[in-house]
C-alpha atoms as a PDB file:
ATOM      1  CA  UNK A   1     -17.824  65.424 -39.617  1.00  0.00           C
ATOM      2  CA  UNK A   2     -21.405  65.606 -40.846  1.00  0.00           C
ATOM      3  CA  UNK A   3     -22.987  62.336 -39.824  1.00  0.00           C
ATOM      4  CA  UNK A   4     -21.918  59.273 -37.901  1.00  0.00           C
ATOM      5  CA  UNK A   5     -18.209  59.210 -36.967  1.00  0.00           C
ATOM      6  CA  UNK A   6     -15.936  56.758 -38.765  1.00  0.00           C
ATOM      7  CA  UNK A   7     -13.507  55.250 -36.257  1.00  0.00           C
ATOM      8  CA  UNK A   8     -10.534  52.891 -36.418  1.00  0.00           C
ATOM      9  CA  UNK A   9      -9.056  50.511 -33.870  1.00  0.00           C
ATOM     10  CA  UNK A  10      -6.411  47.811 -34.076  1.00  0.00           C
ATOM     11  CA  UNK A  11      -4.608  45.294 -31.944  1.00  0.00           C
ATOM     12  CA  UNK A  12      -2.243  42.370 -32.312  1.00  0.00           C
ATOM     13  CA  UNK A  13      -4.702  39.851 -30.860  1.00  0.00           C
ATOM     14  CA  UNK A  14      -8.473  39.446 -31.025  1.00  0.00           C
ATOM     15  CA  UNK A  15      -9.080  40.631 -27.428  1.00  0.00           C
ATOM     16  CA  UNK A  16      -6.688  43.583 -27.745  1.00  0.00           C
ATOM     17  CA  UNK A  17      -8.380  44.741 -30.951  1.00  0.00           C
ATOM     18  CA  UNK A  18     -11.842  44.457 -29.341  1.00  0.00           C
ATOM     19  CA  UNK A  19     -10.694  46.293 -26.209  1.00  0.00           C
ATOM     20  CA  UNK A  20      -9.244  49.151 -28.276  1.00  0.00           C
ATOM     21  CA  UNK A  21     -12.460  49.396 -30.295  1.00  0.00           C
ATOM     22  CA  UNK A  22     -14.496  49.856 -27.105  1.00  0.00           C
ATOM     23  CA  UNK A  23     -12.115  52.522 -25.813  1.00  0.00           C
ATOM     24  CA  UNK A  24     -12.301  54.344 -29.163  1.00  0.00           C
ATOM     25  CA  UNK A  25     -16.088  54.087 -29.331  1.00  0.00           C
ATOM     26  CA  UNK A  26     -16.545  55.339 -25.785  1.00  0.00           C
ATOM     27  CA  UNK A  27     -14.232  58.301 -26.415  1.00  0.00           C
ATOM     28  CA  UNK A  28     -15.098  59.351 -29.965  1.00  0.00           C
ATOM     29  CA  UNK A  29     -18.436  57.746 -30.827  1.00  0.00           C
ATOM     30  CA  UNK A  30     -21.607  59.796 -31.259  1.00  0.00           C
ATOM     31  CA  UNK A  31     -23.958  59.886 -28.279  1.00  0.00           C
ATOM     32  CA  UNK A  32     -27.593  60.407 -29.211  1.00  0.00           C
ATOM     33  CA  UNK A  33     -31.137  59.234 -28.488  1.00  0.00           C
ATOM     34  CA  UNK A  34     -32.847  57.130 -31.130  1.00  0.00           C
ATOM     35  CA  UNK A  35     -36.489  57.671 -31.906  1.00  0.00           C
ATOM     36  CA  UNK A  36     -37.319  54.152 -30.811  1.00  0.00           C
ATOM     37  CA  UNK A  37     -39.686  53.099 -28.037  1.00  0.00           C
ATOM     38  CA  UNK A  38     -37.064  50.623 -26.767  1.00  0.00           C
ATOM     39  CA  UNK A  39     -34.473  53.366 -26.202  1.00  0.00           C
ATOM     40  CA  UNK A  40     -35.153  55.635 -23.248  1.00  0.00           C
ATOM     41  CA  UNK A  41     -31.760  57.304 -23.078  1.00  0.00           C
ATOM     42  CA  UNK A  42     -28.522  57.943 -24.911  1.00  0.00           C
ATOM     43  CA  UNK A  43     -26.701  55.333 -26.951  1.00  0.00           C
ATOM     44  CA  UNK A  44     -23.209  55.568 -28.437  1.00  0.00           C
ATOM     45  CA  UNK A  45     -22.666  54.696 -32.090  1.00  0.00           C
ATOM     46  CA  UNK A  46     -20.061  54.863 -34.880  1.00  0.00           C
ATOM     47  CA  UNK A  47     -18.975  53.232 -38.078  1.00  0.00           C
ATOM     48  CA  UNK A  48     -15.987  51.141 -37.006  1.00  0.00           C
ATOM     49  CA  UNK A  49     -13.083  49.378 -38.705  1.00  0.00           C
ATOM     50  CA  UNK A  50     -11.113  47.017 -36.480  1.00  0.00           C
ATOM     51  CA  UNK A  51      -7.855  45.409 -37.589  1.00  0.00           C
ATOM     52  CA  UNK A  52      -6.699  42.201 -35.913  1.00  0.00           C
ATOM     53  CA  UNK A  53      -3.055  42.027 -36.902  1.00  0.00           C
ATOM     54  CA  UNK A  54      -2.342  38.481 -35.695  1.00  0.00           C
ATOM     55  CA  UNK A  55      -5.495  36.480 -34.925  1.00  0.00           C
ATOM     56  CA  UNK A  56      -3.283  33.486 -34.005  1.00  0.00           C
ATOM     57  CA  UNK A  57      -1.781  35.430 -31.069  1.00  0.00           C
ATOM     58  CA  UNK A  58      -1.733  33.695 -27.687  1.00  0.00           C
ATOM     59  CA  UNK A  59      -4.058  36.231 -26.073  1.00  0.00           C
ATOM     60  CA  UNK A  60      -7.371  34.767 -27.170  1.00  0.00           C
ATOM     61  CA  UNK A  61     -10.389  35.691 -25.045  1.00  0.00           C
ATOM     62  CA  UNK A  62     -11.016  38.918 -23.121  1.00  0.00           C
ATOM     63  CA  UNK A  63     -11.886  38.491 -19.451  1.00  0.00           C
ATOM     64  CA  UNK A  64     -14.475  41.293 -19.720  1.00  0.00           C
ATOM     65  CA  UNK A  65     -16.609  39.421 -22.266  1.00  0.00           C
ATOM     66  CA  UNK A  66     -20.194  38.866 -21.155  1.00  0.00           C
ATOM     67  CA  UNK A  67     -20.214  35.221 -22.292  1.00  0.00           C
ATOM     68  CA  UNK A  68     -18.383  32.190 -20.980  1.00  0.00           C
ATOM     69  CA  UNK A  69     -16.242  29.620 -22.766  1.00  0.00           C
ATOM     70  CA  UNK A  70     -19.290  27.311 -22.950  1.00  0.00           C
ATOM     71  CA  UNK A  71     -21.211  29.955 -24.905  1.00  0.00           C
ATOM     72  CA  UNK A  72     -18.227  30.508 -27.159  1.00  0.00           C
ATOM     73  CA  UNK A  73     -17.928  26.813 -27.981  1.00  0.00           C
ATOM     74  CA  UNK A  74     -21.651  26.636 -28.772  1.00  0.00           C
ATOM     75  CA  UNK A  75     -21.226  29.627 -31.083  1.00  0.00           C
ATOM     76  CA  UNK A  76     -18.282  28.011 -32.888  1.00  0.00           C
ATOM     77  CA  UNK A  77     -20.370  24.854 -33.362  1.00  0.00           C
ATOM     78  CA  UNK A  78     -23.193  27.025 -34.726  1.00  0.00           C
ATOM     79  CA  UNK A  79     -20.846  28.870 -37.110  1.00  0.00           C
ATOM     80  CA  UNK A  80     -19.802  25.470 -38.496  1.00  0.00           C
ATOM     81  CA  UNK A  81     -23.363  24.238 -39.065  1.00  0.00           C
ATOM     82  CA  UNK A  82     -24.390  22.331 -35.930  1.00  0.00           C
ATOM     83  CA  UNK A  83     -27.688  24.203 -35.666  1.00  0.00           C
ATOM     84  CA  UNK A  84     -28.711  24.622 -39.317  1.00  0.00           C
ATOM     85  CA  UNK A  85     -31.804  22.470 -38.765  1.00  0.00           C
ATOM     86  CA  UNK A  86     -33.143  25.110 -36.371  1.00  0.00           C
ATOM     87  CA  UNK A  87     -34.114  27.429 -39.260  1.00  0.00           C
ATOM     88  CA  UNK A  88     -37.832  28.050 -39.683  1.00  0.00           C
ATOM     89  CA  UNK A  89     -39.996  27.418 -42.729  1.00  0.00           C
ATOM     90  CA  UNK A  90     -40.988  30.935 -43.782  1.00  0.00           C
ATOM     91  CA  UNK A  91     -44.154  29.649 -45.443  1.00  0.00           C
ATOM     92  CA  UNK A  92     -45.360  28.313 -42.091  1.00  0.00           C
ATOM     93  CA  UNK A  93     -46.607  31.274 -40.033  1.00  0.00           C
ATOM     94  CA  UNK A  94     -46.737  29.072 -36.915  1.00  0.00           C
ATOM     95  CA  UNK A  95     -43.099  28.014 -37.174  1.00  0.00           C
ATOM     96  CA  UNK A  96     -41.235  29.426 -34.152  1.00  0.00           C
ATOM     97  CA  UNK A  97     -37.725  28.368 -35.107  1.00  0.00           C
ATOM     98  CA  UNK A  98     -34.919  30.809 -35.955  1.00  0.00           C
ATOM     99  CA  UNK A  99     -35.072  33.178 -38.926  1.00  0.00           C
ATOM    100  CA  UNK A 100     -31.442  32.675 -39.941  1.00  0.00           C
ATOM    101  CA  UNK A 101     -28.029  31.315 -39.061  1.00  0.00           C
ATOM    102  CA  UNK A 102     -24.787  32.461 -40.654  1.00  0.00           C
ATOM    103  CA  UNK A 103     -23.660  28.977 -41.648  1.00  0.00           C
ATOM    104  CA  UNK A 104     -27.022  28.218 -43.246  1.00  0.00           C
ATOM    105  CA  UNK A 105     -26.733  31.387 -45.348  1.00  0.00           C
ATOM    106  CA  UNK A 106     -23.109  30.739 -46.283  1.00  0.00           C
ATOM    107  CA  UNK A 107     -23.340  27.006 -46.984  1.00  0.00           C
ATOM    108  CA  UNK A 108     -26.891  26.781 -48.390  1.00  0.00           C
ATOM    109  CA  UNK A 109     -27.520  30.095 -50.128  1.00  0.00           C
ATOM    110  CA  UNK A 110     -30.709  29.692 -52.243  1.00  0.00           C
ATOM    111  CA  UNK A 111     -30.691  29.913 -56.021  1.00  0.00           C
ATOM    112  CA  UNK A 112     -33.043  28.770 -58.815  1.00  0.00           C
ATOM    113  CA  UNK A 113     -30.715  25.814 -59.419  1.00  0.00           C
ATOM    114  CA  UNK A 114     -30.519  24.817 -55.769  1.00  0.00           C
ATOM    115  CA  UNK A 115     -28.503  25.771 -52.672  1.00  0.00           C
ATOM    116  CA  UNK A 116     -25.015  27.203 -53.181  1.00  0.00           C
ATOM    117  CA  UNK A 117     -22.263  26.225 -50.751  1.00  0.00           C
ATOM    118  CA  UNK A 118     -20.291  29.465 -50.723  1.00  0.00           C
ATOM    119  CA  UNK A 119     -17.770  28.101 -48.215  1.00  0.00           C
ATOM    120  CA  UNK A 120     -16.894  25.181 -50.471  1.00  0.00           C
ATOM    121  CA  UNK A 121     -16.666  27.634 -53.359  1.00  0.00           C
ATOM    122  CA  UNK A 122     -14.157  29.653 -51.320  1.00  0.00           C
ATOM    123  CA  UNK A 123     -12.037  26.571 -50.641  1.00  0.00           C
ATOM    124  CA  UNK A 124     -12.157  25.418 -54.272  1.00  0.00           C
ATOM    125  CA  UNK A 125     -11.433  28.833 -55.752  1.00  0.00           C
ATOM    126  CA  UNK A 126      -8.583  29.557 -53.352  1.00  0.00           C
ATOM    127  CA  UNK A 127      -7.105  26.147 -54.160  1.00  0.00           C
ATOM    128  CA  UNK A 128      -7.375  26.565 -57.932  1.00  0.00           C
ATOM    129  CA  UNK A 129      -6.543  30.273 -58.144  1.00  0.00           C
ATOM    130  CA  UNK A 130      -4.838  31.379 -54.893  1.00  0.00           C
ATOM    131  CA  UNK A 131      -4.366  34.889 -56.309  1.00  0.00           C
ATOM    132  CA  UNK A 132      -8.108  35.340 -57.022  1.00  0.00           C
ATOM    133  CA  UNK A 133      -9.831  38.502 -55.793  1.00  0.00           C
ATOM    134  CA  UNK A 134     -13.307  36.980 -56.258  1.00  0.00           C
ATOM    135  CA  UNK A 135     -13.644  35.030 -53.005  1.00  0.00           C
ATOM    136  CA  UNK A 136     -16.768  36.756 -51.765  1.00  0.00           C
ATOM    137  CA  UNK A 137     -19.530  35.181 -49.633  1.00  0.00           C
ATOM    138  CA  UNK A 138     -22.790  36.889 -48.641  1.00  0.00           C
ATOM    139  CA  UNK A 139     -25.688  36.311 -46.253  1.00  0.00           C
ATOM    140  CA  UNK A 140     -28.393  38.782 -47.305  1.00  0.00           C
ATOM    141  CA  UNK A 141     -31.375  37.166 -49.055  1.00  0.00           C
ATOM    142  CA  UNK A 142     -33.867  39.897 -50.110  1.00  0.00           C
ATOM    143  CA  UNK A 143     -36.753  37.436 -50.505  1.00  0.00           C
ATOM    144  CA  UNK A 144     -36.430  36.543 -46.824  1.00  0.00           C
ATOM    145  CA  UNK A 145     -34.870  39.588 -45.224  1.00  0.00           C
ATOM    146  CA  UNK A 146     -37.433  42.120 -46.392  1.00  0.00           C
ATOM    147  CA  UNK A 147     -40.193  40.177 -44.609  1.00  0.00           C
ATOM    148  CA  UNK A 148     -38.672  38.444 -41.562  1.00  0.00           C
ATOM    149  CA  UNK A 149     -38.380  39.945 -38.084  1.00  0.00           C
ATOM    150  CA  UNK A 150     -34.718  39.059 -37.566  1.00  0.00           C
ATOM    151  CA  UNK A 151     -32.190  39.667 -40.336  1.00  0.00           C
ATOM    152  CA  UNK A 152     -28.466  38.847 -40.490  1.00  0.00           C
ATOM    153  CA  UNK A 153     -26.095  41.377 -38.980  1.00  0.00           C
ATOM    154  CA  UNK A 154     -23.165  39.814 -40.853  1.00  0.00           C
ATOM    155  CA  UNK A 155     -23.444  40.720 -44.533  1.00  0.00           C
ATOM    156  CA  UNK A 156     -20.267  39.623 -46.287  1.00  0.00           C
ATOM    157  CA  UNK A 157     -17.021  37.712 -45.829  1.00  0.00           C
ATOM    158  CA  UNK A 158     -14.137  38.055 -48.247  1.00  0.00           C
ATOM    159  CA  UNK A 159     -10.921  35.996 -48.414  1.00  0.00           C
ATOM    160  CA  UNK A 160      -7.641  36.954 -50.106  1.00  0.00           C
ATOM    161  CA  UNK A 161      -4.305  35.128 -50.195  1.00  0.00           C
ATOM    162  CA  UNK A 162      -1.136  37.242 -50.312  1.00  0.00           C
ATOM    163  CA  UNK A 163       2.569  36.540 -49.605  1.00  0.00           C
ATOM    164  CA  UNK A 164       3.820  37.174 -46.097  1.00  0.00           C
ATOM    165  CA  UNK A 165       5.593  40.534 -46.029  1.00  0.00           C
ATOM    166  CA  UNK A 166       8.651  39.200 -44.186  1.00  0.00           C
ATOM    167  CA  UNK A 167       8.854  35.699 -45.665  1.00  0.00           C
ATOM    168  CA  UNK A 168       7.431  35.390 -49.215  1.00  0.00           C
ATOM    169  CA  UNK A 169       7.608  31.589 -48.966  1.00  0.00           C
ATOM    170  CA  UNK A 170       4.661  31.767 -46.581  1.00  0.00           C
ATOM    171  CA  UNK A 171       1.226  32.659 -47.945  1.00  0.00           C
ATOM    172  CA  UNK A 172      -1.341  34.452 -45.758  1.00  0.00           C
ATOM    173  CA  UNK A 173      -5.116  33.955 -45.835  1.00  0.00           C
ATOM    174  CA  UNK A 174      -6.516  37.425 -45.128  1.00  0.00           C
ATOM    175  CA  UNK A 175     -10.157  37.773 -44.094  1.00  0.00           C
ATOM    176  CA  UNK A 176     -12.415  40.844 -44.249  1.00  0.00           C
ATOM    177  CA  UNK A 177     -16.016  40.840 -43.091  1.00  0.00           C
ATOM    178  CA  UNK A 178     -18.755  43.449 -42.898  1.00  0.00           C
ATOM    179  CA  UNK A 179     -21.638  43.797 -40.445  1.00  0.00           C
ATOM    180  CA  UNK A 180     -24.571  46.122 -41.019  1.00  0.00           C
ATOM    181  CA  UNK A 181     -25.154  46.550 -37.265  1.00  0.00           C
ATOM    182  CA  UNK A 182     -23.620  45.114 -34.125  1.00  0.00           C
ATOM    183  CA  UNK A 183     -23.798  45.243 -30.347  1.00  0.00           C
ATOM    184  CA  UNK A 184     -20.240  46.236 -29.488  1.00  0.00           C
ATOM    185  CA  UNK A 185     -20.273  44.873 -25.933  1.00  0.00           C
ATOM    186  CA  UNK A 186     -22.006  41.499 -26.353  1.00  0.00           C
ATOM    187  CA  UNK A 187     -21.977  40.304 -29.971  1.00  0.00           C
ATOM    188  CA  UNK A 188     -18.628  41.601 -31.223  1.00  0.00           C
ATOM    189  CA  UNK A 189     -16.111  39.539 -29.214  1.00  0.00           C
ATOM    190  CA  UNK A 190     -18.090  36.346 -29.903  1.00  0.00           C
ATOM    191  CA  UNK A 191     -18.307  37.190 -33.614  1.00  0.00           C
ATOM    192  CA  UNK A 192     -14.566  37.820 -33.746  1.00  0.00           C
ATOM    193  CA  UNK A 193     -13.658  34.451 -32.257  1.00  0.00           C
ATOM    194  CA  UNK A 194     -16.342  32.544 -34.161  1.00  0.00           C
ATOM    195  CA  UNK A 195     -15.320  34.001 -37.523  1.00  0.00           C
ATOM    196  CA  UNK A 196     -11.660  33.449 -36.719  1.00  0.00           C
ATOM    197  CA  UNK A 197     -12.540  29.761 -36.257  1.00  0.00           C
ATOM    198  CA  UNK A 198     -14.093  29.862 -39.737  1.00  0.00           C
ATOM    199  CA  UNK A 199     -10.918  31.446 -41.130  1.00  0.00           C
ATOM    200  CA  UNK A 200      -8.941  28.554 -39.644  1.00  0.00           C
ATOM    201  CA  UNK A 201     -11.302  26.012 -41.217  1.00  0.00           C
ATOM    202  CA  UNK A 202     -10.971  27.556 -44.678  1.00  0.00           C
ATOM    203  CA  UNK A 203      -7.186  27.803 -44.308  1.00  0.00           C
ATOM    204  CA  UNK A 204      -6.849  24.180 -43.225  1.00  0.00           C
ATOM    205  CA  UNK A 205      -9.078  22.956 -46.080  1.00  0.00           C
ATOM    206  CA  UNK A 206      -7.018  24.850 -48.690  1.00  0.00           C
ATOM    207  CA  UNK A 207      -3.760  23.545 -47.192  1.00  0.00           C
ATOM    208  CA  UNK A 208      -5.060  19.990 -47.362  1.00  0.00           C
ATOM    209  CA  UNK A 209      -6.067  20.348 -51.021  1.00  0.00           C
ATOM    210  CA  UNK A 210      -2.937  22.153 -52.206  1.00  0.00           C
ATOM    211  CA  UNK A 211      -0.147  21.459 -49.664  1.00  0.00           C
ATOM    212  CA  UNK A 212       0.406  25.220 -49.826  1.00  0.00           C
ATOM    213  CA  UNK A 213       2.487  26.839 -47.068  1.00  0.00           C
ATOM    214  CA  UNK A 214      -0.556  28.796 -45.927  1.00  0.00           C
ATOM    215  CA  UNK A 215      -1.088  30.532 -42.582  1.00  0.00           C
ATOM    216  CA  UNK A 216      -3.690  32.955 -41.263  1.00  0.00           C
ATOM    217  CA  UNK A 217      -3.280  36.615 -42.132  1.00  0.00           C
ATOM    218  CA  UNK A 218      -4.860  39.705 -40.681  1.00  0.00           C
ATOM    219  CA  UNK A 219      -8.587  40.108 -40.116  1.00  0.00           C
ATOM    220  CA  UNK A 220     -10.412  43.347 -40.893  1.00  0.00           C
ATOM    221  CA  UNK A 221     -13.701  43.672 -39.021  1.00  0.00           C
ATOM    222  CA  UNK A 222     -16.023  46.415 -40.353  1.00  0.00           C
ATOM    223  CA  UNK A 223     -19.386  47.523 -38.957  1.00  0.00           C
ATOM    224  CA  UNK A 224     -21.767  50.175 -40.340  1.00  0.00           C
ATOM    225  CA  UNK A 225     -23.370  50.769 -36.921  1.00  0.00           C
ATOM    226  CA  UNK A 226     -21.087  49.758 -34.058  1.00  0.00           C
ATOM    227  CA  UNK A 227     -23.099  50.678 -31.005  1.00  0.00           C
ATOM    228  CA  UNK A 228     -23.885  50.264 -27.342  1.00  0.00           C
ATOM    229  CA  UNK A 229     -27.620  50.689 -26.889  1.00  0.00           C
ATOM    230  CA  UNK A 230     -29.332  52.366 -23.967  1.00  0.00           C
ATOM    231  CA  UNK A 231     -30.061  49.072 -22.204  1.00  0.00           C
ATOM    232  CA  UNK A 232     -26.392  48.019 -22.353  1.00  0.00           C
ATOM    233  CA  UNK A 233     -24.836  51.174 -20.933  1.00  0.00           C
ATOM    234  CA  UNK A 234     -24.210  49.469 -17.583  1.00  0.00           C
ATOM    235  CA  UNK A 235     -22.117  46.838 -19.378  1.00  0.00           C
ATOM    236  CA  UNK A 236     -20.037  49.578 -21.013  1.00  0.00           C
ATOM    237  CA  UNK A 237     -19.623  51.383 -17.683  1.00  0.00           C
ATOM    238  CA  UNK A 238     -18.539  48.133 -16.044  1.00  0.00           C
ATOM    239  CA  UNK A 239     -15.996  47.534 -18.805  1.00  0.00           C
ATOM    240  CA  UNK A 240     -14.537  51.024 -18.449  1.00  0.00           C
ATOM    241  CA  UNK A 241     -14.362  50.737 -14.647  1.00  0.00           C
ATOM    242  CA  UNK A 242     -12.543  47.408 -14.780  1.00  0.00           C
ATOM    243  CA  UNK A 243     -10.209  48.701 -17.506  1.00  0.00           C
ATOM    244  CA  UNK A 244      -9.307  51.844 -15.526  1.00  0.00           C
ATOM    245  CA  UNK A 245      -8.657  49.771 -12.409  1.00  0.00           C
ATOM    246  CA  UNK A 246      -6.412  47.455 -14.425  1.00  0.00           C
ATOM    247  CA  UNK A 247      -4.445  50.392 -15.843  1.00  0.00           C
ATOM    248  CA  UNK A 248      -4.025  51.908 -12.356  1.00  0.00           C
ATOM    249  CA  UNK A 249      -2.382  48.619 -11.314  1.00  0.00           C
ATOM    250  CA  UNK A 250       0.018  48.831 -14.300  1.00  0.00           C
ATOM    251  CA  UNK A 251      -1.477  45.655 -15.790  1.00  0.00           C
ATOM    252  CA  UNK A 252      -1.055  44.841 -19.473  1.00  0.00           C
ATOM    253  CA  UNK A 253      -3.445  43.381 -22.033  1.00  0.00           C
ATOM    254  CA  UNK A 254      -2.155  39.923 -21.069  1.00  0.00           C
ATOM    255  CA  UNK A 255      -3.579  40.399 -17.573  1.00  0.00           C
ATOM    256  CA  UNK A 256      -7.004  41.150 -19.062  1.00  0.00           C
ATOM    257  CA  UNK A 257      -7.142  38.118 -21.350  1.00  0.00           C
ATOM    258  CA  UNK A 258      -7.268  34.329 -21.275  1.00  0.00           C
ATOM    259  CA  UNK A 259      -4.566  32.560 -23.236  1.00  0.00           C
ATOM    260  CA  UNK A 260      -5.215  30.280 -26.205  1.00  0.00           C
ATOM    261  CA  UNK A 261      -4.059  27.010 -24.569  1.00  0.00           C
ATOM    262  CA  UNK A 262      -6.254  27.556 -21.514  1.00  0.00           C
ATOM    263  CA  UNK A 263      -9.360  28.277 -23.605  1.00  0.00           C
ATOM    264  CA  UNK A 264      -8.752  25.349 -25.976  1.00  0.00           C
ATOM    265  CA  UNK A 265      -8.120  22.890 -23.121  1.00  0.00           C
ATOM    266  CA  UNK A 266     -11.319  24.041 -21.438  1.00  0.00           C
ATOM    267  CA  UNK A 267     -13.271  23.664 -24.688  1.00  0.00           C
ATOM    268  CA  UNK A 268     -11.938  20.138 -25.193  1.00  0.00           C
ATOM    269  CA  UNK A 269     -13.079  19.233 -21.701  1.00  0.00           C
ATOM    270  CA  UNK A 270     -16.660  20.405 -22.181  1.00  0.00           C
ATOM    271  CA  UNK A 271     -17.029  19.417 -25.848  1.00  0.00           C
ATOM    272  CA  UNK A 272     -18.873  16.098 -25.227  1.00  0.00           C
ATOM    273  CA  UNK A 273     -21.370  17.744 -22.873  1.00  0.00           C
ATOM    274  CA  UNK A 274     -22.032  20.707 -25.177  1.00  0.00           C
ATOM    275  CA  UNK A 275     -22.429  18.361 -28.159  1.00  0.00           C
ATOM    276  CA  UNK A 276     -25.067  16.316 -26.326  1.00  0.00           C
ATOM    277  CA  UNK A 277     -26.879  19.523 -25.372  1.00  0.00           C
ATOM    278  CA  UNK A 278     -27.072  20.638 -29.019  1.00  0.00           C
ATOM    279  CA  UNK A 279     -28.254  17.156 -30.055  1.00  0.00           C
ATOM    280  CA  UNK A 280     -30.968  17.228 -27.390  1.00  0.00           C
ATOM    281  CA  UNK A 281     -32.112  20.677 -28.527  1.00  0.00           C
ATOM    282  CA  UNK A 282     -32.148  19.523 -32.157  1.00  0.00           C
ATOM    283  CA  UNK A 283     -34.496  16.720 -31.107  1.00  0.00           C
ATOM    284  CA  UNK A 284     -37.170  19.372 -30.539  1.00  0.00           C
ATOM    285  CA  UNK A 285     -37.197  20.107 -34.279  1.00  0.00           C
ATOM    286  CA  UNK A 286     -36.467  16.765 -35.956  1.00  0.00           C
ATOM    287  CA  UNK A 287     -37.301  13.101 -35.482  1.00  0.00           C
ATOM    288  CA  UNK A 288     -36.680   9.705 -37.055  1.00  0.00           C
ATOM    289  CA  UNK A 289     -34.229   9.377 -39.925  1.00  0.00           C
ATOM    290  CA  UNK A 290     -33.847  13.155 -40.304  1.00  0.00           C
ATOM    291  CA  UNK A 291     -32.768  13.453 -36.675  1.00  0.00           C
ATOM    292  CA  UNK A 292     -30.305  10.565 -36.950  1.00  0.00           C
ATOM    293  CA  UNK A 293     -28.735  12.185 -40.009  1.00  0.00           C
ATOM    294  CA  UNK A 294     -28.443  15.516 -38.199  1.00  0.00           C
ATOM    295  CA  UNK A 295     -26.923  13.869 -35.114  1.00  0.00           C
ATOM    296  CA  UNK A 296     -24.235  12.315 -37.300  1.00  0.00           C
ATOM    297  CA  UNK A 297     -23.486  15.735 -38.791  1.00  0.00           C
ATOM    298  CA  UNK A 298     -23.300  17.396 -35.359  1.00  0.00           C
ATOM    299  CA  UNK A 299     -20.874  14.765 -34.085  1.00  0.00           C
ATOM    300  CA  UNK A 300     -18.611  15.294 -37.099  1.00  0.00           C
ATOM    301  CA  UNK A 301     -18.609  19.039 -36.458  1.00  0.00           C
ATOM    302  CA  UNK A 302     -17.777  18.417 -32.793  1.00  0.00           C
ATOM    303  CA  UNK A 303     -14.913  16.101 -33.724  1.00  0.00           C
ATOM    304  CA  UNK A 304     -13.495  18.843 -35.958  1.00  0.00           C
ATOM    305  CA  UNK A 305     -13.623  21.326 -33.055  1.00  0.00           C
ATOM    306  CA  UNK A 306     -11.106  19.346 -31.010  1.00  0.00           C
ATOM    307  CA  UNK A 307      -7.882  21.260 -30.570  1.00  0.00           C
END
């Protein structure tokens, strides 16, 4: 092939699909040195399509992830809008807050007529026209992203409802999303679980509006540049070493993952503490009535995260 390899990986569960993508990248990705002062050695890179066949599978979180369950809960809260007030004012050159958040882009996309809530559009459109092929949400804002330092890696999320192949009485909410660039070892497994949580939120909202027999369908995860940079090669080596040891012991994917009930019970236990932490951090950016309003919003998001 002339150019960056195009690779495919799949798995029944989120952690199995991620694991197979790392194995495929390590084996068949392109190893090269970027002309970048931050890269002093080889990196591995590919364009990658990952299919998660059953995101509701019991195997939920890979034990080789670099983050903990606390980090994952924080990320889910962020995906649902708990940190939207942390976005900077681009007209203020002294503002040190964040350049973007996915929820802020999806739920408050700017337009001449005011912010567009693309997530609510998705729920409304899927409820009114379940067969629609127009459920498309985007994050890229040229006015911002051609001038800011940090730009969204996630570019697009699409939703599509189709009948279940085995039982046509069940409808499936399929999700496809596209990243322009992604750290395969650190960002990807968190993204997968965080966006799965968003899929569940959209599905539940449509079910509530329509009483449709709707369940989650497959997820397709696509990345233009799916890479492990020079500085993260030790993480990749550690992953491969642990994987090879596991295989030598005849362990299965179940042995390398945490199950859904365990993760959810743990999240429920730490939810009050993590919520208070986010509220305290938000207090650095807001005060008075604005802060009180944001605290109320954060608590509602936390309540919705209970399993």
